Amino acid sequence: MRIEPDGQSDAVLVGAAQGGCLDSFGALYQRYHNPIVALAYAQLGDKHTAEDAAQEVFAIACRDLASLRDREKVGAWLGGICRNVTRQIYRKQSRPAPEPAPKGTDGGPEDTEQNDAVRRAVWSLPEAERELIVMRYFNGFSQAKISQVLDITPSAVNGRLVRAKRKVADILKRDGFGS
């Protein structure tokens, strides 16, 4: 059975994957891999470890896909698996709280003192707010995609992003980078 992933709902892809269609699972992987890496990065603060965590998430998802009951919630289900995997990794590493990536490691323009200050401010946010900021502004995911992975409404994503951005701005202002 060949499923064309473009335009197919998550429910259709999950159903086909639960029926043994590897192409459908591959389509789900393509659809959710980058958001899961971003979510893991928000927890772990290291791009390579986040990639490893995402691979573990999809290995678990492949193994446990039959247990997914609400096929439309596959993004949130993967997000939950990701949080569990990152917690396990964090415990094994016995590391302090995640820190922003070192200068020049995220492929963006040359880092400046202000970019470093923004990163420090983001990483000082509580976990839930840091996830939103990293997914939206570090990785460019839409509010709709974020809502699927975090299992909150797009309007809740918007409201929480507004509050998180205000906190970042307050931190930057306190540290002498705002107006």
C-alpha atoms as a PDB file:
ATOM      1  CA  MET A   1       0.000   0.000   0.000  1.00  0.00           C
ATOM      2  CA  ARG A   2       1.557   3.311  -1.076  1.00  0.00           C
ATOM      3  CA  ILE A   3       0.491   6.466   0.770  1.00  0.00           C
ATOM      4  CA  GLU A   4       1.334   9.864  -0.670  1.00  0.00           C
ATOM      5  CA  PRO A   5       2.286  11.971   2.395  1.00  0.00           C
ATOM      6  CA  ASP A   6       1.534  15.398   0.956  1.00  0.00           C
ATOM      7  CA  GLY A   7      -1.961  16.439   1.877  1.00  0.00           C
ATOM      8  CA  GLN A   8      -2.613  13.364   4.005  1.00  0.00           C
ATOM      9  CA  SER A   9      -3.795  13.984   7.529  1.00  0.00           C
ATOM     10  CA  ASP A  10      -1.836  12.702  10.499  1.00  0.00           C
ATOM     11  CA  ALA A  11      -4.705  10.292  11.215  1.00  0.00           C
ATOM     12  CA  VAL A  12      -4.470   8.716   7.749  1.00  0.00           C
ATOM     13  CA  LEU A  13      -0.688   8.389   7.980  1.00  0.00           C
ATOM     14  CA  VAL A  14      -0.832   6.934  11.494  1.00  0.00           C
ATOM     15  CA  GLY A  15      -3.526   4.455  10.482  1.00  0.00           C
ATOM     16  CA  ALA A  16      -1.506   3.282   7.507  1.00  0.00           C
ATOM     17  CA  ALA A  17       1.667   3.074   9.611  1.00  0.00           C
ATOM     18  CA  GLN A  18      -0.164   1.082  12.262  1.00  0.00           C
ATOM     19  CA  GLY A  19      -1.189  -1.238   9.442  1.00  0.00           C
ATOM     20  CA  GLY A  20       2.458  -1.790   8.541  1.00  0.00           C
ATOM     21  CA  CYS A  21       3.063   0.813   5.826  1.00  0.00           C
ATOM     22  CA  LEU A  22       6.653   1.956   6.331  1.00  0.00           C
ATOM     23  CA  ASP A  23       6.236   4.808   3.842  1.00  0.00           C
ATOM     24  CA  SER A  24       3.572   6.303   6.100  1.00  0.00           C
ATOM     25  CA  PHE A  25       5.827   6.125   9.134  1.00  0.00           C
ATOM     26  CA  GLY A  26       8.553   7.714   7.014  1.00  0.00           C
ATOM     27  CA  ALA A  27       6.166  10.534   6.109  1.00  0.00           C
ATOM     28  CA  LEU A  28       5.394  11.098   9.795  1.00  0.00           C
ATOM     29  CA  TYR A  29       9.129  11.133  10.491  1.00  0.00           C
ATOM     30  CA  GLN A  30       9.671  13.765   7.797  1.00  0.00           C
ATOM     31  CA  ARG A  31       6.757  15.828   9.093  1.00  0.00           C
ATOM     32  CA  TYR A  32       7.832  15.812  12.738  1.00  0.00           C
ATOM     33  CA  HIS A  33      11.604  15.256  12.814  1.00  0.00           C
ATOM     34  CA  ASN A  34      12.630  18.934  12.826  1.00  0.00           C
ATOM     35  CA  PRO A  35      10.079  20.033  15.461  1.00  0.00           C
ATOM     36  CA  ILE A  36      11.150  17.133  17.700  1.00  0.00           C
ATOM     37  CA  VAL A  37      14.824  18.070  17.311  1.00  0.00           C
ATOM     38  CA  ALA A  38      13.915  21.667  18.212  1.00  0.00           C
ATOM     39  CA  LEU A  39      11.976  20.520  21.258  1.00  0.00           C
ATOM     40  CA  ALA A  40      14.896  18.325  22.370  1.00  0.00           C
ATOM     41  CA  TYR A  41      17.317  21.206  21.791  1.00  0.00           C
ATOM     42  CA  ALA A  42      15.188  23.460  24.006  1.00  0.00           C
ATOM     43  CA  GLN A  43      15.618  20.897  26.780  1.00  0.00           C
ATOM     44  CA  LEU A  44      19.225  19.863  26.275  1.00  0.00           C
ATOM     45  CA  GLY A  45      20.929  22.941  24.819  1.00  0.00           C
ATOM     46  CA  ASP A  46      23.120  20.848  22.503  1.00  0.00           C
ATOM     47  CA  LYS A  47      22.272  20.291  18.823  1.00  0.00           C
ATOM     48  CA  HIS A  48      24.056  16.923  18.508  1.00  0.00           C
ATOM     49  CA  THR A  49      22.473  15.512  21.652  1.00  0.00           C
ATOM     50  CA  ALA A  50      19.098  16.818  20.448  1.00  0.00           C
ATOM     51  CA  GLU A  51      19.549  14.934  17.149  1.00  0.00           C
ATOM     52  CA  ASP A  52      20.356  11.749  19.099  1.00  0.00           C
ATOM     53  CA  ALA A  53      17.301  12.286  21.279  1.00  0.00           C
ATOM     54  CA  ALA A  54      15.079  12.699  18.211  1.00  0.00           C
ATOM     55  CA  GLN A  55      16.351   9.404  16.804  1.00  0.00           C
ATOM     56  CA  GLU A  56      15.477   7.739  20.103  1.00  0.00           C
ATOM     57  CA  VAL A  57      12.011   9.348  20.026  1.00  0.00           C
ATOM     58  CA  PHE A  58      11.269   7.902  16.598  1.00  0.00           C
ATOM     59  CA  ALA A  59      12.629   4.479  17.556  1.00  0.00           C
ATOM     60  CA  ILE A  60      10.240   4.442  20.520  1.00  0.00           C
ATOM     61  CA  ALA A  61       7.407   5.761  18.357  1.00  0.00           C
ATOM     62  CA  CYS A  62       7.982   3.010  15.793  1.00  0.00           C
ATOM     63  CA  ARG A  63       7.931   0.387  18.528  1.00  0.00           C
ATOM     64  CA  ASP A  64       4.869   1.805  20.334  1.00  0.00           C
ATOM     65  CA  LEU A  65       2.800   3.231  17.464  1.00  0.00           C
ATOM     66  CA  ALA A  66       0.092   0.607  17.958  1.00  0.00           C
ATOM     67  CA  SER A  67      -0.606   2.099  21.394  1.00  0.00           C
ATOM     68  CA  LEU A  68      -1.484   5.540  19.980  1.00  0.00           C
ATOM     69  CA  ARG A  69      -5.239   5.902  20.327  1.00  0.00           C
ATOM     70  CA  ASP A  70      -5.936   9.406  19.039  1.00  0.00           C
ATOM     71  CA  ARG A  71      -4.342   9.396  15.599  1.00  0.00           C
ATOM     72  CA  GLU A  72      -4.801  13.158  15.200  1.00  0.00           C
ATOM     73  CA  LYS A  73      -2.603  13.760  18.261  1.00  0.00           C
ATOM     74  CA  VAL A  74       0.549  12.093  16.913  1.00  0.00           C
ATOM     75  CA  GLY A  75       2.501  15.356  17.194  1.00  0.00           C
ATOM     76  CA  ALA A  76       1.635  15.769  20.865  1.00  0.00           C
ATOM     77  CA  TRP A  77       2.356  12.078  21.460  1.00  0.00           C
ATOM     78  CA  LEU A  78       5.808  12.465  19.904  1.00  0.00           C
ATOM     79  CA  GLY A  79       6.350  15.624  21.962  1.00  0.00           C
ATOM     80  CA  GLY A  80       5.573  13.682  25.144  1.00  0.00           C
ATOM     81  CA  ILE A  81       7.981  10.924  24.173  1.00  0.00           C
ATOM     82  CA  CYS A  82      10.587  13.600  23.445  1.00  0.00           C
ATOM     83  CA  ARG A  83      10.212  15.165  26.874  1.00  0.00           C
ATOM     84  CA  ASN A  84      10.636  11.760  28.513  1.00  0.00           C
ATOM     85  CA  VAL A  85      13.703  10.939  26.411  1.00  0.00           C
ATOM     86  CA  THR A  86      15.335  14.299  27.124  1.00  0.00           C
ATOM     87  CA  ARG A  87      14.714  13.895  30.860  1.00  0.00           C
ATOM     88  CA  GLN A  88      16.412  10.493  30.748  1.00  0.00           C
ATOM     89  CA  ILE A  89      19.366  11.929  28.834  1.00  0.00           C
ATOM     90  CA  TYR A  90      19.599  14.853  31.232  1.00  0.00           C
ATOM     91  CA  ARG A  91      19.643  12.507  34.257  1.00  0.00           C
ATOM     92  CA  LYS A  92      22.315  10.289  32.689  1.00  0.00           C
ATOM     93  CA  GLN A  93      24.526  13.264  31.918  1.00  0.00           C
ATOM     94  CA  SER A  94      24.079  14.858  35.369  1.00  0.00           C
ATOM     95  CA  ARG A  95      24.597  18.250  33.767  1.00  0.00           C
ATOM     96  CA  PRO A  96      23.574  21.687  34.934  1.00  0.00           C
ATOM     97  CA  ALA A  97      20.679  23.413  33.181  1.00  0.00           C
ATOM     98  CA  PRO A  98      21.066  23.696  29.402  1.00  0.00           C
ATOM     99  CA  GLU A  99      23.061  26.620  28.121  1.00  0.00           C
ATOM    100  CA  PRO A 100      22.849  28.294  24.752  1.00  0.00           C
ATOM    101  CA  ALA A 101      25.041  26.929  22.006  1.00  0.00           C
ATOM    102  CA  PRO A 102      28.541  28.385  21.817  1.00  0.00           C
ATOM    103  CA  LYS A 103      29.251  31.141  19.315  1.00  0.00           C
ATOM    104  CA  GLY A 104      29.006  30.180  15.681  1.00  0.00           C
ATOM    105  CA  THR A 105      27.485  26.726  16.240  1.00  0.00           C
ATOM    106  CA  ASP A 106      23.923  27.302  15.095  1.00  0.00           C
ATOM    107  CA  GLY A 107      24.699  28.270  11.512  1.00  0.00           C
ATOM    108  CA  GLY A 108      23.349  31.781  11.839  1.00  0.00           C
ATOM    109  CA  PRO A 109      25.095  35.062  11.168  1.00  0.00           C
ATOM    110  CA  GLU A 110      28.186  35.836  13.171  1.00  0.00           C
ATOM    111  CA  ASP A 111      27.289  36.051  16.836  1.00  0.00           C
ATOM    112  CA  THR A 112      27.467  39.353  18.633  1.00  0.00           C
ATOM    113  CA  GLU A 113      27.363  40.311  22.259  1.00  0.00           C
ATOM    114  CA  GLN A 114      23.658  41.101  21.876  1.00  0.00           C
ATOM    115  CA  ASN A 115      22.943  37.685  20.282  1.00  0.00           C
ATOM    116  CA  ASP A 116      24.702  36.055  23.221  1.00  0.00           C
ATOM    117  CA  ALA A 117      22.617  38.132  25.624  1.00  0.00           C
ATOM    118  CA  VAL A 118      19.426  37.036  23.845  1.00  0.00           C
ATOM    119  CA  ARG A 119      20.480  33.390  24.052  1.00  0.00           C
ATOM    120  CA  ARG A 120      21.269  33.704  27.767  1.00  0.00           C
ATOM    121  CA  ALA A 121      17.898  35.374  28.338  1.00  0.00           C
ATOM    122  CA  VAL A 122      16.049  32.619  26.473  1.00  0.00           C
ATOM    123  CA  TRP A 123      17.877  29.890  28.370  1.00  0.00           C
ATOM    124  CA  SER A 124      16.984  31.544  31.668  1.00  0.00           C
ATOM    125  CA  LEU A 125      13.258  31.159  30.911  1.00  0.00           C
ATOM    126  CA  PRO A 126      11.237  28.316  32.418  1.00  0.00           C
ATOM    127  CA  GLU A 127      11.211  25.147  30.288  1.00  0.00           C
ATOM    128  CA  ALA A 128       7.759  25.657  28.721  1.00  0.00           C
ATOM    129  CA  GLU A 129       8.531  29.204  27.597  1.00  0.00           C
ATOM    130  CA  ARG A 130      12.002  28.234  26.347  1.00  0.00           C
ATOM    131  CA  GLU A 131      10.432  25.470  24.211  1.00  0.00           C
ATOM    132  CA  LEU A 132       8.130  27.970  22.522  1.00  0.00           C
ATOM    133  CA  ILE A 133      10.851  30.540  21.832  1.00  0.00           C
ATOM    134  CA  VAL A 134      13.303  27.948  20.513  1.00  0.00           C
ATOM    135  CA  MET A 135      10.733  26.294  18.253  1.00  0.00           C
ATOM    136  CA  ARG A 136       9.349  29.585  16.892  1.00  0.00           C
ATOM    137  CA  TYR A 137      12.331  31.890  16.665  1.00  0.00           C
ATOM    138  CA  PHE A 138      15.385  29.633  16.593  1.00  0.00           C
ATOM    139  CA  ASN A 139      13.797  27.099  14.228  1.00  0.00           C
ATOM    140  CA  GLY A 140      11.034  29.079  12.509  1.00  0.00           C
ATOM    141  CA  PHE A 141       8.131  26.699  13.112  1.00  0.00           C
ATOM    142  CA  SER A 142       4.614  28.015  12.640  1.00  0.00           C
ATOM    143  CA  GLN A 143       2.312  28.438  15.595  1.00  0.00           C
ATOM    144  CA  ALA A 144       0.158  25.665  14.112  1.00  0.00           C
ATOM    145  CA  LYS A 145       3.080  23.192  14.045  1.00  0.00           C
ATOM    146  CA  ILE A 146       4.098  24.171  17.580  1.00  0.00           C
ATOM    147  CA  SER A 147       0.520  23.658  18.767  1.00  0.00           C
ATOM    148  CA  GLN A 148       0.514  20.135  17.275  1.00  0.00           C
ATOM    149  CA  VAL A 149       3.734  19.130  19.013  1.00  0.00           C
ATOM    150  CA  LEU A 150       3.005  20.782  22.358  1.00  0.00           C
ATOM    151  CA  ASP A 151      -0.724  19.896  22.323  1.00  0.00           C
ATOM    152  CA  ILE A 152      -1.953  23.413  22.974  1.00  0.00           C
ATOM    153  CA  THR A 153      -4.145  25.616  20.799  1.00  0.00           C
ATOM    154  CA  PRO A 154      -2.564  28.036  18.326  1.00  0.00           C
ATOM    155  CA  SER A 155      -4.058  30.934  20.284  1.00  0.00           C
ATOM    156  CA  ALA A 156      -2.434  29.585  23.467  1.00  0.00           C
ATOM    157  CA  VAL A 157       0.875  29.358  21.587  1.00  0.00           C
ATOM    158  CA  ASN A 158       0.459  32.989  20.542  1.00  0.00           C
ATOM    159  CA  GLY A 159      -0.368  34.209  24.048  1.00  0.00           C
ATOM    160  CA  ARG A 160       2.471  32.280  25.645  1.00  0.00           C
ATOM    161  CA  LEU A 161       4.917  33.500  23.011  1.00  0.00           C
ATOM    162  CA  VAL A 162       3.900  37.103  23.701  1.00  0.00           C
ATOM    163  CA  ARG A 163       4.497  36.619  27.430  1.00  0.00           C
ATOM    164  CA  ALA A 164       7.804  34.813  26.871  1.00  0.00           C
ATOM    165  CA  LYS A 165       9.034  37.555  24.515  1.00  0.00           C
ATOM    166  CA  ARG A 166       8.142  40.160  27.147  1.00  0.00           C
ATOM    167  CA  LYS A 167      10.197  38.254  29.707  1.00  0.00           C
ATOM    168  CA  VAL A 168      13.163  38.088  27.331  1.00  0.00           C
ATOM    169  CA  ALA A 169      12.826  41.824  26.658  1.00  0.00           C
ATOM    170  CA  ASP A 170      12.689  42.530  30.406  1.00  0.00           C
ATOM    171  CA  ILE A 171      15.835  40.450  30.988  1.00  0.00           C
ATOM    172  CA  LEU A 172      17.636  42.207  28.146  1.00  0.00           C
ATOM    173  CA  LYS A 173      16.565  45.621  29.441  1.00  0.00           C
ATOM    174  CA  ARG A 174      17.760  44.713  32.933  1.00  0.00           C
ATOM    175  CA  ASP A 175      21.108  43.623  31.452  1.00  0.00           C
ATOM    176  CA  GLY A 176      21.487  46.873  29.520  1.00  0.00           C
ATOM    177  CA  PHE A 177      20.490  45.685  26.018  1.00  0.00           C
ATOM    178  CA  GLY A 178      17.007  47.160  25.776  1.00  0.00           C
ATOM    179  CA  SER A 179      15.667  50.656  25.492  1.00  0.00           C
END
